[in-house]
């Protein structure tokens, strides 16, 4: 993930537009990954 973020900065892509898109899709993404987040939290608890 860090490599991808660094390369986005290298290409000079503005992150403000990306942030707006992410914010607008936040609710949808949150609902879609609800089960994944639960599994992630469960994995932390198991460890």
ModelCIF file with pLDDT and N, C-alpha, C, O atoms, coordinates in Angstrom:
data_MODEL
#
_entry.id   MODEL 
#
_entity.id                         1 
_entity.type                       polymer 
_entity.pdbx_number_of_molecules   1 
#
_entity_poly.entity_id                      1 
_entity_poly.type                           'polypeptide(L)' 
_entity_poly.nstd_linkage                   no 
_entity_poly.nstd_monomer                   no 
_entity_poly.pdbx_seq_one_letter_code       
;(UNK)(UNK)(UNK)(UNK)(UNK)(UNK)(UNK)(UNK)(UNK)(UNK)(UNK)(UNK)(UNK)(UNK)(UNK)(UNK)
(UNK)(UNK)(UNK)(UNK)(UNK)(UNK)(UNK)(UNK)(UNK)(UNK)(UNK)(UNK)(UNK)(UNK)(UNK)(UNK)
(UNK)(UNK)(UNK)(UNK)(UNK)(UNK)(UNK)(UNK)(UNK)(UNK)(UNK)(UNK)(UNK)(UNK)(UNK)
;
_entity_poly.pdbx_seq_one_letter_code_can   XXXXXXXXXXXXXXXXXXXXXXXXXXXXXXXXXXXXXXXXXXXXXXX 
_entity_poly.pdbx_strand_id                 A 
#
loop_
_entity_poly_seq.entity_id 
_entity_poly_seq.num 
_entity_poly_seq.mon_id 
_entity_poly_seq.hetero 
1 1  UNK n 
1 2  UNK n 
1 3  UNK n 
1 4  UNK n 
1 5  UNK n 
1 6  UNK n 
1 7  UNK n 
1 8  UNK n 
1 9  UNK n 
1 10 UNK n 
1 11 UNK n 
1 12 UNK n 
1 13 UNK n 
1 14 UNK n 
1 15 UNK n 
1 16 UNK n 
1 17 UNK n 
1 18 UNK n 
1 19 UNK n 
1 20 UNK n 
1 21 UNK n 
1 22 UNK n 
1 23 UNK n 
1 24 UNK n 
1 25 UNK n 
1 26 UNK n 
1 27 UNK n 
1 28 UNK n 
1 29 UNK n 
1 30 UNK n 
1 31 UNK n 
1 32 UNK n 
1 33 UNK n 
1 34 UNK n 
1 35 UNK n 
1 36 UNK n 
1 37 UNK n 
1 38 UNK n 
1 39 UNK n 
1 40 UNK n 
1 41 UNK n 
1 42 UNK n 
1 43 UNK n 
1 44 UNK n 
1 45 UNK n 
1 46 UNK n 
1 47 UNK n 
#
_struct_asym.id          A 
_struct_asym.entity_id   1 
#
loop_
_ma_qa_metric.id 
_ma_qa_metric.mode 
_ma_qa_metric.name 
_ma_qa_metric.software_group_id 
_ma_qa_metric.type 
1 global pLDDT . pLDDT 
2 local  pLDDT . pLDDT 
#
_ma_qa_metric_global.metric_id      1 
_ma_qa_metric_global.metric_value   68.19 
_ma_qa_metric_global.model_id       1 
_ma_qa_metric_global.ordinal_id     1 
#
loop_
_ma_qa_metric_local.label_asym_id 
_ma_qa_metric_local.label_comp_id 
_ma_qa_metric_local.label_seq_id 
_ma_qa_metric_local.metric_id 
_ma_qa_metric_local.metric_value 
_ma_qa_metric_local.model_id 
_ma_qa_metric_local.ordinal_id 
A UNK 1  2 84.00 1 1  
A UNK 2  2 84.00 1 2  
A UNK 3  2 83.00 1 3  
A UNK 4  2 82.00 1 4  
A UNK 5  2 78.00 1 5  
A UNK 6  2 80.00 1 6  
A UNK 7  2 78.00 1 7  
A UNK 8  2 78.00 1 8  
A UNK 9  2 73.00 1 9  
A UNK 10 2 72.00 1 10 
A UNK 11 2 74.00 1 11 
A UNK 12 2 71.00 1 12 
A UNK 13 2 70.00 1 13 
A UNK 14 2 63.00 1 14 
A UNK 15 2 54.00 1 15 
A UNK 16 2 56.00 1 16 
A UNK 17 2 55.00 1 17 
A UNK 18 2 53.00 1 18 
A UNK 19 2 55.00 1 19 
A UNK 20 2 57.00 1 20 
A UNK 21 2 53.00 1 21 
A UNK 22 2 53.00 1 22 
A UNK 23 2 60.00 1 23 
A UNK 24 2 58.00 1 24 
A UNK 25 2 54.00 1 25 
A UNK 26 2 57.00 1 26 
A UNK 27 2 54.00 1 27 
A UNK 28 2 54.00 1 28 
A UNK 29 2 48.00 1 29 
A UNK 30 2 55.00 1 30 
A UNK 31 2 48.00 1 31 
A UNK 32 2 50.00 1 32 
A UNK 33 2 51.00 1 33 
A UNK 34 2 58.00 1 34 
A UNK 35 2 64.00 1 35 
A UNK 36 2 72.00 1 36 
A UNK 37 2 74.00 1 37 
A UNK 38 2 82.00 1 38 
A UNK 39 2 81.00 1 39 
A UNK 40 2 80.00 1 40 
A UNK 41 2 84.00 1 41 
A UNK 42 2 86.00 1 42 
A UNK 43 2 84.00 1 43 
A UNK 44 2 85.00 1 44 
A UNK 45 2 88.00 1 45 
A UNK 46 2 88.00 1 46 
A UNK 47 2 84.00 1 47 
#
loop_
_atom_site.group_PDB 
_atom_site.id 
_atom_site.type_symbol 
_atom_site.label_atom_id 
_atom_site.label_alt_id 
_atom_site.label_comp_id 
_atom_site.label_asym_id 
_atom_site.label_entity_id 
_atom_site.label_seq_id 
_atom_site.pdbx_PDB_ins_code 
_atom_site.Cartn_x 
_atom_site.Cartn_y 
_atom_site.Cartn_z 
_atom_site.occupancy 
_atom_site.B_iso_or_equiv 
_atom_site.pdbx_formal_charge 
_atom_site.auth_seq_id 
_atom_site.auth_comp_id 
_atom_site.auth_asym_id 
_atom_site.auth_atom_id 
_atom_site.pdbx_PDB_model_num 
ATOM 1   N N  . UNK A 1 1  ? 0.837   -1.210  0.000   1.00 84.00 ? 1  UNK A N  1 
ATOM 2   C CA . UNK A 1 1  ? 0.000   0.000   0.000   1.00 84.00 ? 1  UNK A CA 1 
ATOM 3   C C  . UNK A 1 1  ? 0.868   1.254   0.000   1.00 84.00 ? 1  UNK A C  1 
ATOM 4   O O  . UNK A 1 1  ? 0.580   2.221   -0.705  1.00 84.00 ? 1  UNK A O  1 
ATOM 5   N N  . UNK A 1 2  ? 1.949   1.224   0.812   1.00 84.00 ? 2  UNK A N  1 
ATOM 6   C CA . UNK A 1 2  ? 2.864   2.366   0.857   1.00 84.00 ? 2  UNK A CA 1 
ATOM 7   C C  . UNK A 1 2  ? 3.526   2.616   -0.494  1.00 84.00 ? 2  UNK A C  1 
ATOM 8   O O  . UNK A 1 2  ? 3.724   3.762   -0.897  1.00 84.00 ? 2  UNK A O  1 
ATOM 9   N N  . UNK A 1 3  ? 3.865   1.528   -1.191  1.00 83.00 ? 3  UNK A N  1 
ATOM 10  C CA . UNK A 1 3  ? 4.476   1.665   -2.516  1.00 83.00 ? 3  UNK A CA 1 
ATOM 11  C C  . UNK A 1 3  ? 3.505   2.336   -3.479  1.00 83.00 ? 3  UNK A C  1 
ATOM 12  O O  . UNK A 1 3  ? 3.894   3.226   -4.235  1.00 83.00 ? 3  UNK A O  1 
ATOM 13  N N  . UNK A 1 4  ? 2.254   1.918   -3.454  1.00 82.00 ? 4  UNK A N  1 
ATOM 14  C CA . UNK A 1 4  ? 1.243   2.507   -4.346  1.00 82.00 ? 4  UNK A CA 1 
ATOM 15  C C  . UNK A 1 4  ? 1.061   3.987   -4.049  1.00 82.00 ? 4  UNK A C  1 
ATOM 16  O O  . UNK A 1 4  ? 0.991   4.804   -4.967  1.00 82.00 ? 4  UNK A O  1 
ATOM 17  N N  . UNK A 1 5  ? 0.984   4.337   -2.763  1.00 78.00 ? 5  UNK A N  1 
ATOM 18  C CA . UNK A 1 5  ? 0.816   5.741   -2.379  1.00 78.00 ? 5  UNK A CA 1 
ATOM 19  C C  . UNK A 1 5  ? 2.011   6.574   -2.841  1.00 78.00 ? 5  UNK A C  1 
ATOM 20  O O  . UNK A 1 5  ? 1.845   7.685   -3.345  1.00 78.00 ? 5  UNK A O  1 
ATOM 21  N N  . UNK A 1 6  ? 3.208   6.033   -2.667  1.00 80.00 ? 6  UNK A N  1 
ATOM 22  C CA . UNK A 1 6  ? 4.414   6.761   -3.087  1.00 80.00 ? 6  UNK A CA 1 
ATOM 23  C C  . UNK A 1 6  ? 4.431   6.976   -4.594  1.00 80.00 ? 6  UNK A C  1 
ATOM 24  O O  . UNK A 1 6  ? 4.825   8.046   -5.058  1.00 80.00 ? 6  UNK A O  1 
ATOM 25  N N  . UNK A 1 7  ? 4.016   5.989   -5.355  1.00 78.00 ? 7  UNK A N  1 
ATOM 26  C CA . UNK A 1 7  ? 4.008   6.112   -6.814  1.00 78.00 ? 7  UNK A CA 1 
ATOM 27  C C  . UNK A 1 7  ? 2.945   7.099   -7.285  1.00 78.00 ? 7  UNK A C  1 
ATOM 28  O O  . UNK A 1 7  ? 3.143   7.790   -8.284  1.00 78.00 ? 7  UNK A O  1 
ATOM 29  N N  . UNK A 1 8  ? 1.824   7.172   -6.577  1.00 78.00 ? 8  UNK A N  1 
ATOM 30  C CA . UNK A 1 8  ? 0.803   8.168   -6.922  1.00 78.00 ? 8  UNK A CA 1 
ATOM 31  C C  . UNK A 1 8  ? 1.376   9.576   -6.769  1.00 78.00 ? 8  UNK A C  1 
ATOM 32  O O  . UNK A 1 8  ? 1.139   10.454  -7.599  1.00 78.00 ? 8  UNK A O  1 
ATOM 33  N N  . UNK A 1 9  ? 2.142   9.773   -5.677  1.00 73.00 ? 9  UNK A N  1 
ATOM 34  C CA . UNK A 1 9  ? 2.795   11.072  -5.494  1.00 73.00 ? 9  UNK A CA 1 
ATOM 35  C C  . UNK A 1 9  ? 3.840   11.334  -6.554  1.00 73.00 ? 9  UNK A C  1 
ATOM 36  O O  . UNK A 1 9  ? 3.990   12.469  -7.007  1.00 73.00 ? 9  UNK A O  1 
ATOM 37  N N  . UNK A 1 10 ? 4.576   10.294  -6.963  1.00 72.00 ? 10 UNK A N  1 
ATOM 38  C CA . UNK A 1 10 ? 5.603   10.431  -7.993  1.00 72.00 ? 10 UNK A CA 1 
ATOM 39  C C  . UNK A 1 10 ? 4.994   10.861  -9.334  1.00 72.00 ? 10 UNK A C  1 
ATOM 40  O O  . UNK A 1 10 ? 5.593   11.645  -10.070 1.00 72.00 ? 10 UNK A O  1 
ATOM 41  N N  . UNK A 1 11 ? 3.811   10.347  -9.638  1.00 74.00 ? 11 UNK A N  1 
ATOM 42  C CA . UNK A 1 11 ? 3.155   10.684  -10.899 1.00 74.00 ? 11 UNK A CA 1 
ATOM 43  C C  . UNK A 1 11 ? 2.492   12.055  -10.848 1.00 74.00 ? 11 UNK A C  1 
ATOM 44  O O  . UNK A 1 11 ? 2.009   12.549  -11.867 1.00 74.00 ? 11 UNK A O  1 
ATOM 45  N N  . UNK A 1 12 ? 2.465   12.670  -9.672  1.00 71.00 ? 12 UNK A N  1 
ATOM 46  C CA . UNK A 1 12 ? 1.899   14.012  -9.542  1.00 71.00 ? 12 UNK A CA 1 
ATOM 47  C C  . UNK A 1 12 ? 0.387   14.045  -9.564  1.00 71.00 ? 12 UNK A C  1 
ATOM 48  O O  . UNK A 1 12 ? -0.205  15.074  -9.892  1.00 71.00 ? 12 UNK A O  1 
ATOM 49  N N  . UNK A 1 13 ? -0.250  12.934  -9.220  1.00 70.00 ? 13 UNK A N  1 
ATOM 50  C CA . UNK A 1 13 ? -1.715  12.883  -9.218  1.00 70.00 ? 13 UNK A CA 1 
ATOM 51  C C  . UNK A 1 13 ? -2.229  13.580  -7.969  1.00 70.00 ? 13 UNK A C  1 
ATOM 52  O O  . UNK A 1 13 ? -1.763  13.299  -6.865  1.00 70.00 ? 13 UNK A O  1 
ATOM 53  N N  . UNK A 1 14 ? -3.172  14.477  -8.132  1.00 63.00 ? 14 UNK A N  1 
ATOM 54  C CA . UNK A 1 14 ? -3.768  15.194  -7.013  1.00 63.00 ? 14 UNK A CA 1 
ATOM 55  C C  . UNK A 1 14 ? -4.659  14.246  -6.219  1.00 63.00 ? 14 UNK A C  1 
ATOM 56  O O  . UNK A 1 14 ? -5.493  13.537  -6.781  1.00 63.00 ? 14 UNK A O  1 
ATOM 57  N N  . UNK A 1 15 ? -4.471  14.247  -4.937  1.00 54.00 ? 15 UNK A N  1 
ATOM 58  C CA . UNK A 1 15 ? -5.236  13.343  -4.076  1.00 54.00 ? 15 UNK A CA 1 
ATOM 59  C C  . UNK A 1 15 ? -6.564  13.940  -3.626  1.00 54.00 ? 15 UNK A C  1 
ATOM 60  O O  . UNK A 1 15 ? -7.400  13.234  -3.062  1.00 54.00 ? 15 UNK A O  1 
ATOM 61  N N  . UNK A 1 16 ? -6.767  15.255  -3.873  1.00 56.00 ? 16 UNK A N  1 
ATOM 62  C CA . UNK A 1 16 ? -8.018  15.879  -3.429  1.00 56.00 ? 16 UNK A CA 1 
ATOM 63  C C  . UNK A 1 16 ? -9.220  15.282  -4.154  1.00 56.00 ? 16 UNK A C  1 
ATOM 64  O O  . UNK A 1 16 ? -10.253 15.013  -3.541  1.00 56.00 ? 16 UNK A O  1 
ATOM 65  N N  . UNK A 1 17 ? -9.079  15.077  -5.466  1.00 55.00 ? 17 UNK A N  1 
ATOM 66  C CA . UNK A 1 17 ? -10.179 14.482  -6.227  1.00 55.00 ? 17 UNK A CA 1 
ATOM 67  C C  . UNK A 1 17 ? -10.448 13.052  -5.803  1.00 55.00 ? 17 UNK A C  1 
ATOM 68  O O  . UNK A 1 17 ? -11.597 12.626  -5.694  1.00 55.00 ? 17 UNK A O  1 
ATOM 69  N N  . UNK A 1 18 ? -9.365  12.313  -5.563  1.00 53.00 ? 18 UNK A N  1 
ATOM 70  C CA . UNK A 1 18 ? -9.513  10.927  -5.125  1.00 53.00 ? 18 UNK A CA 1 
ATOM 71  C C  . UNK A 1 18 ? -10.208 10.870  -3.771  1.00 53.00 ? 18 UNK A C  1 
ATOM 72  O O  . UNK A 1 18 ? -11.062 10.018  -3.528  1.00 53.00 ? 18 UNK A O  1 
ATOM 73  N N  . UNK A 1 19 ? -9.821  11.800  -2.890  1.00 55.00 ? 19 UNK A N  1 
ATOM 74  C CA . UNK A 1 19 ? -10.440 11.849  -1.557  1.00 55.00 ? 19 UNK A CA 1 
ATOM 75  C C  . UNK A 1 19 ? -11.938 12.100  -1.656  1.00 55.00 ? 19 UNK A C  1 
ATOM 76  O O  . UNK A 1 19 ? -12.721 11.517  -0.907  1.00 55.00 ? 19 UNK A O  1 
ATOM 77  N N  . UNK A 1 20 ? -12.340 12.978  -2.593  1.00 57.00 ? 20 UNK A N  1 
ATOM 78  C CA . UNK A 1 20 ? -13.763 13.276  -2.760  1.00 57.00 ? 20 UNK A CA 1 
ATOM 79  C C  . UNK A 1 20 ? -14.528 12.045  -3.228  1.00 57.00 ? 20 UNK A C  1 
ATOM 80  O O  . UNK A 1 20 ? -15.631 11.764  -2.761  1.00 57.00 ? 20 UNK A O  1 
ATOM 81  N N  . UNK A 1 21 ? -13.918 11.316  -4.162  1.00 53.00 ? 21 UNK A N  1 
ATOM 82  C CA . UNK A 1 21 ? -14.573 10.106  -4.664  1.00 53.00 ? 21 UNK A CA 1 
ATOM 83  C C  . UNK A 1 21 ? -14.694 9.058   -3.559  1.00 53.00 ? 21 UNK A C  1 
ATOM 84  O O  . UNK A 1 21 ? -15.730 8.412   -3.400  1.00 53.00 ? 21 UNK A O  1 
ATOM 85  N N  . UNK A 1 22 ? -13.613 8.907   -2.804  1.00 53.00 ? 22 UNK A N  1 
ATOM 86  C CA . UNK A 1 22 ? -13.621 7.928   -1.706  1.00 53.00 ? 22 UNK A CA 1 
ATOM 87  C C  . UNK A 1 22 ? -14.676 8.288   -0.674  1.00 53.00 ? 22 UNK A C  1 
ATOM 88  O O  . UNK A 1 22 ? -15.378 7.420   -0.154  1.00 53.00 ? 22 UNK A O  1 
ATOM 89  N N  . UNK A 1 23 ? -14.780 9.603   -0.379  1.00 60.00 ? 23 UNK A N  1 
ATOM 90  C CA . UNK A 1 23 ? -15.770 10.055  0.600   1.00 60.00 ? 23 UNK A CA 1 
ATOM 91  C C  . UNK A 1 23 ? -17.188 9.784   0.120   1.00 60.00 ? 23 UNK A C  1 
ATOM 92  O O  . UNK A 1 23 ? -18.042 9.372   0.906   1.00 60.00 ? 23 UNK A O  1 
ATOM 93  N N  . UNK A 1 24 ? -17.447 10.013  -1.172  1.00 58.00 ? 24 UNK A N  1 
ATOM 94  C CA . UNK A 1 24 ? -18.795 9.796   -1.710  1.00 58.00 ? 24 UNK A CA 1 
ATOM 95  C C  . UNK A 1 24 ? -19.174 8.327   -1.749  1.00 58.00 ? 24 UNK A C  1 
ATOM 96  O O  . UNK A 1 24 ? -20.352 7.981   -1.656  1.00 58.00 ? 24 UNK A O  1 
ATOM 97  N N  . UNK A 1 25 ? -18.156 7.446   -1.890  1.00 54.00 ? 25 UNK A N  1 
ATOM 98  C CA . UNK A 1 25 ? -18.427 6.010   -1.933  1.00 54.00 ? 25 UNK A CA 1 
ATOM 99  C C  . UNK A 1 25 ? -18.232 5.331   -0.577  1.00 54.00 ? 25 UNK A C  1 
ATOM 100 O O  . UNK A 1 25 ? -18.329 4.109   -0.459  1.00 54.00 ? 25 UNK A O  1 
ATOM 101 N N  . UNK A 1 26 ? -17.955 6.142   0.438   1.00 57.00 ? 26 UNK A N  1 
ATOM 102 C CA . UNK A 1 26 ? -17.639 5.577   1.752   1.00 57.00 ? 26 UNK A CA 1 
ATOM 103 C C  . UNK A 1 26 ? -18.724 4.686   2.323   1.00 57.00 ? 26 UNK A C  1 
ATOM 104 O O  . UNK A 1 26 ? -18.456 3.609   2.854   1.00 57.00 ? 26 UNK A O  1 
ATOM 105 N N  . UNK A 1 27 ? -19.975 5.166   2.200   1.00 54.00 ? 27 UNK A N  1 
ATOM 106 C CA . UNK A 1 27 ? -21.094 4.395   2.756   1.00 54.00 ? 27 UNK A CA 1 
ATOM 107 C C  . UNK A 1 27 ? -21.235 3.057   2.046   1.00 54.00 ? 27 UNK A C  1 
ATOM 108 O O  . UNK A 1 27 ? -21.405 2.016   2.681   1.00 54.00 ? 27 UNK A O  1 
ATOM 109 N N  . UNK A 1 28 ? -21.162 3.100   0.704   1.00 54.00 ? 28 UNK A N  1 
ATOM 110 C CA . UNK A 1 28 ? -21.306 1.864   -0.075  1.00 54.00 ? 28 UNK A CA 1 
ATOM 111 C C  . UNK A 1 28 ? -20.188 0.880   0.238   1.00 54.00 ? 28 UNK A C  1 
ATOM 112 O O  . UNK A 1 28 ? -20.422 -0.312  0.438   1.00 54.00 ? 28 UNK A O  1 
ATOM 113 N N  . UNK A 1 29 ? -18.985 1.399   0.274   1.00 48.00 ? 29 UNK A N  1 
ATOM 114 C CA . UNK A 1 29 ? -17.844 0.532   0.581   1.00 48.00 ? 29 UNK A CA 1 
ATOM 115 C C  . UNK A 1 29 ? -17.967 -0.039  1.988   1.00 48.00 ? 29 UNK A C  1 
ATOM 116 O O  . UNK A 1 29 ? -17.669 -1.208  2.230   1.00 48.00 ? 29 UNK A O  1 
ATOM 117 N N  . UNK A 1 30 ? -18.421 0.828   2.928   1.00 55.00 ? 30 UNK A N  1 
ATOM 118 C CA . UNK A 1 30 ? -18.575 0.368   4.303   1.00 55.00 ? 30 UNK A CA 1 
ATOM 119 C C  . UNK A 1 30 ? -19.545 -0.790  4.414   1.00 55.00 ? 30 UNK A C  1 
ATOM 120 O O  . UNK A 1 30 ? -19.297 -1.755  5.137   1.00 55.00 ? 30 UNK A O  1 
ATOM 121 N N  . UNK A 1 31 ? -20.668 -0.687  3.683   1.00 48.00 ? 31 UNK A N  1 
ATOM 122 C CA . UNK A 1 31 ? -21.645 -1.771  3.702   1.00 48.00 ? 31 UNK A CA 1 
ATOM 123 C C  . UNK A 1 31 ? -21.094 -3.029  3.033   1.00 48.00 ? 31 UNK A C  1 
ATOM 124 O O  . UNK A 1 31 ? -21.364 -4.149  3.468   1.00 48.00 ? 31 UNK A O  1 
ATOM 125 N N  . UNK A 1 32 ? -20.319 -2.823  1.971   1.00 50.00 ? 32 UNK A N  1 
ATOM 126 C CA . UNK A 1 32 ? -19.797 -3.969  1.226   1.00 50.00 ? 32 UNK A CA 1 
ATOM 127 C C  . UNK A 1 32 ? -18.756 -4.748  2.023   1.00 50.00 ? 32 UNK A C  1 
ATOM 128 O O  . UNK A 1 32 ? -18.678 -5.973  1.934   1.00 50.00 ? 32 UNK A O  1 
ATOM 129 N N  . UNK A 1 33 ? -17.959 -4.022  2.799   1.00 51.00 ? 33 UNK A N  1 
ATOM 130 C CA . UNK A 1 33 ? -16.865 -4.685  3.518   1.00 51.00 ? 33 UNK A CA 1 
ATOM 131 C C  . UNK A 1 33 ? -17.197 -4.900  4.990   1.00 51.00 ? 33 UNK A C  1 
ATOM 132 O O  . UNK A 1 33 ? -16.318 -5.182  5.804   1.00 51.00 ? 33 UNK A O  1 
ATOM 133 N N  . UNK A 1 34 ? -18.479 -4.761  5.319   1.00 58.00 ? 34 UNK A N  1 
ATOM 134 C CA . UNK A 1 34 ? -18.867 -4.928  6.721   1.00 58.00 ? 34 UNK A CA 1 
ATOM 135 C C  . UNK A 1 34 ? -18.425 -6.282  7.268   1.00 58.00 ? 34 UNK A C  1 
ATOM 136 O O  . UNK A 1 34 ? -17.874 -6.374  8.365   1.00 58.00 ? 34 UNK A O  1 
ATOM 137 N N  . UNK A 1 35 ? -18.681 -7.345  6.472   1.00 64.00 ? 35 UNK A N  1 
ATOM 138 C CA . UNK A 1 35 ? -18.271 -8.681  6.904   1.00 64.00 ? 35 UNK A CA 1 
ATOM 139 C C  . UNK A 1 35 ? -16.766 -8.820  7.001   1.00 64.00 ? 35 UNK A C  1 
ATOM 140 O O  . UNK A 1 35 ? -16.256 -9.479  7.907   1.00 64.00 ? 35 UNK A O  1 
ATOM 141 N N  . UNK A 1 36 ? -16.043 -8.192  6.058   1.00 72.00 ? 36 UNK A N  1 
ATOM 142 C CA . UNK A 1 36 ? -14.584 -8.257  6.071   1.00 72.00 ? 36 UNK A CA 1 
ATOM 143 C C  . UNK A 1 36 ? -14.013 -7.566  7.297   1.00 72.00 ? 36 UNK A C  1 
ATOM 144 O O  . UNK A 1 36 ? -13.070 -8.060  7.915   1.00 72.00 ? 36 UNK A O  1 
ATOM 145 N N  . UNK A 1 37 ? -14.595 -6.406  7.652   1.00 74.00 ? 37 UNK A N  1 
ATOM 146 C CA . UNK A 1 37 ? -14.128 -5.694  8.843   1.00 74.00 ? 37 UNK A CA 1 
ATOM 147 C C  . UNK A 1 37 ? -14.359 -6.541  10.094  1.00 74.00 ? 37 UNK A C  1 
ATOM 148 O O  . UNK A 1 37 ? -13.519 -6.582  10.993  1.00 74.00 ? 37 UNK A O  1 
ATOM 149 N N  . UNK A 1 38 ? -15.515 -7.220  10.138  1.00 82.00 ? 38 UNK A N  1 
ATOM 150 C CA . UNK A 1 38 ? -15.801 -8.100  11.276  1.00 82.00 ? 38 UNK A CA 1 
ATOM 151 C C  . UNK A 1 38 ? -14.787 -9.233  11.353  1.00 82.00 ? 38 UNK A C  1 
ATOM 152 O O  . UNK A 1 38 ? -14.326 -9.592  12.436  1.00 82.00 ? 38 UNK A O  1 
ATOM 153 N N  . UNK A 1 39 ? -14.444 -9.794  10.195  1.00 81.00 ? 39 UNK A N  1 
ATOM 154 C CA . UNK A 1 39 ? -13.449 -10.871 10.174  1.00 81.00 ? 39 UNK A CA 1 
ATOM 155 C C  . UNK A 1 39 ? -12.075 -10.358 10.584  1.00 81.00 ? 39 UNK A C  1 
ATOM 156 O O  . UNK A 1 39 ? -11.321 -11.048 11.269  1.00 81.00 ? 39 UNK A O  1 
ATOM 157 N N  . UNK A 1 40 ? -11.757 -9.122  10.152  1.00 80.00 ? 40 UNK A N  1 
ATOM 158 C CA . UNK A 1 40 ? -10.470 -8.524  10.517  1.00 80.00 ? 40 UNK A CA 1 
ATOM 159 C C  . UNK A 1 40 ? -10.392 -8.312  12.017  1.00 80.00 ? 40 UNK A C  1 
ATOM 160 O O  . UNK A 1 40 ? -9.378  -8.623  12.642  1.00 80.00 ? 40 UNK A O  1 
ATOM 161 N N  . UNK A 1 41 ? -11.471 -7.778  12.602  1.00 84.00 ? 41 UNK A N  1 
ATOM 162 C CA . UNK A 1 41 ? -11.505 -7.587  14.053  1.00 84.00 ? 41 UNK A CA 1 
ATOM 163 C C  . UNK A 1 41 ? -11.435 -8.925  14.774  1.00 84.00 ? 41 UNK A C  1 
ATOM 164 O O  . UNK A 1 41 ? -10.796 -9.046  15.819  1.00 84.00 ? 41 UNK A O  1 
ATOM 165 N N  . UNK A 1 42 ? -12.101 -9.934  14.202  1.00 86.00 ? 42 UNK A N  1 
ATOM 166 C CA . UNK A 1 42 ? -12.041 -11.270 14.790  1.00 86.00 ? 42 UNK A CA 1 
ATOM 167 C C  . UNK A 1 42 ? -10.637 -11.844 14.762  1.00 86.00 ? 42 UNK A C  1 
ATOM 168 O O  . UNK A 1 42 ? -10.205 -12.500 15.710  1.00 86.00 ? 42 UNK A O  1 
ATOM 169 N N  . UNK A 1 43 ? -9.913  -11.590 13.651  1.00 84.00 ? 43 UNK A N  1 
ATOM 170 C CA . UNK A 1 43 ? -8.526  -12.067 13.559  1.00 84.00 ? 43 UNK A CA 1 
ATOM 171 C C  . UNK A 1 43 ? -7.640  -11.430 14.609  1.00 84.00 ? 43 UNK A C  1 
ATOM 172 O O  . UNK A 1 43 ? -6.782  -12.097 15.187  1.00 84.00 ? 43 UNK A O  1 
ATOM 173 N N  . UNK A 1 44 ? -7.841  -10.131 14.864  1.00 85.00 ? 44 UNK A N  1 
ATOM 174 C CA . UNK A 1 44 ? -7.070  -9.438  15.903  1.00 85.00 ? 44 UNK A CA 1 
ATOM 175 C C  . UNK A 1 44 ? -7.369  -10.047 17.277  1.00 85.00 ? 44 UNK A C  1 
ATOM 176 O O  . UNK A 1 44 ? -6.460  -10.263 18.079  1.00 85.00 ? 44 UNK A O  1 
ATOM 177 N N  . UNK A 1 45 ? -8.655  -10.321 17.539  1.00 88.00 ? 45 UNK A N  1 
ATOM 178 C CA . UNK A 1 45 ? -9.042  -10.918 18.818  1.00 88.00 ? 45 UNK A CA 1 
ATOM 179 C C  . UNK A 1 45 ? -8.444  -12.311 18.992  1.00 88.00 ? 45 UNK A C  1 
ATOM 180 O O  . UNK A 1 45 ? -8.026  -12.679 20.090  1.00 88.00 ? 45 UNK A O  1 
ATOM 181 N N  . UNK A 1 46 ? -8.404  -13.082 17.908  1.00 88.00 ? 46 UNK A N  1 
ATOM 182 C CA . UNK A 1 46 ? -7.822  -14.431 17.990  1.00 88.00 ? 46 UNK A CA 1 
ATOM 183 C C  . UNK A 1 46 ? -6.338  -14.371 18.331  1.00 88.00 ? 46 UNK A C  1 
ATOM 184 O O  . UNK A 1 46 ? -5.836  -15.204 19.085  1.00 88.00 ? 46 UNK A O  1 
ATOM 185 N N  . UNK A 1 47 ? -5.630  -13.374 17.769  1.00 84.00 ? 47 UNK A N  1 
ATOM 186 C CA . UNK A 1 47 ? -4.202  -13.228 18.056  1.00 84.00 ? 47 UNK A CA 1 
ATOM 187 C C  . UNK A 1 47 ? -3.961  -12.760 19.491  1.00 84.00 ? 47 UNK A C  1 
ATOM 188 O O  . UNK A 1 47 ? -2.812  -12.587 19.898  1.00 84.00 ? 47 UNK A O  1 
#
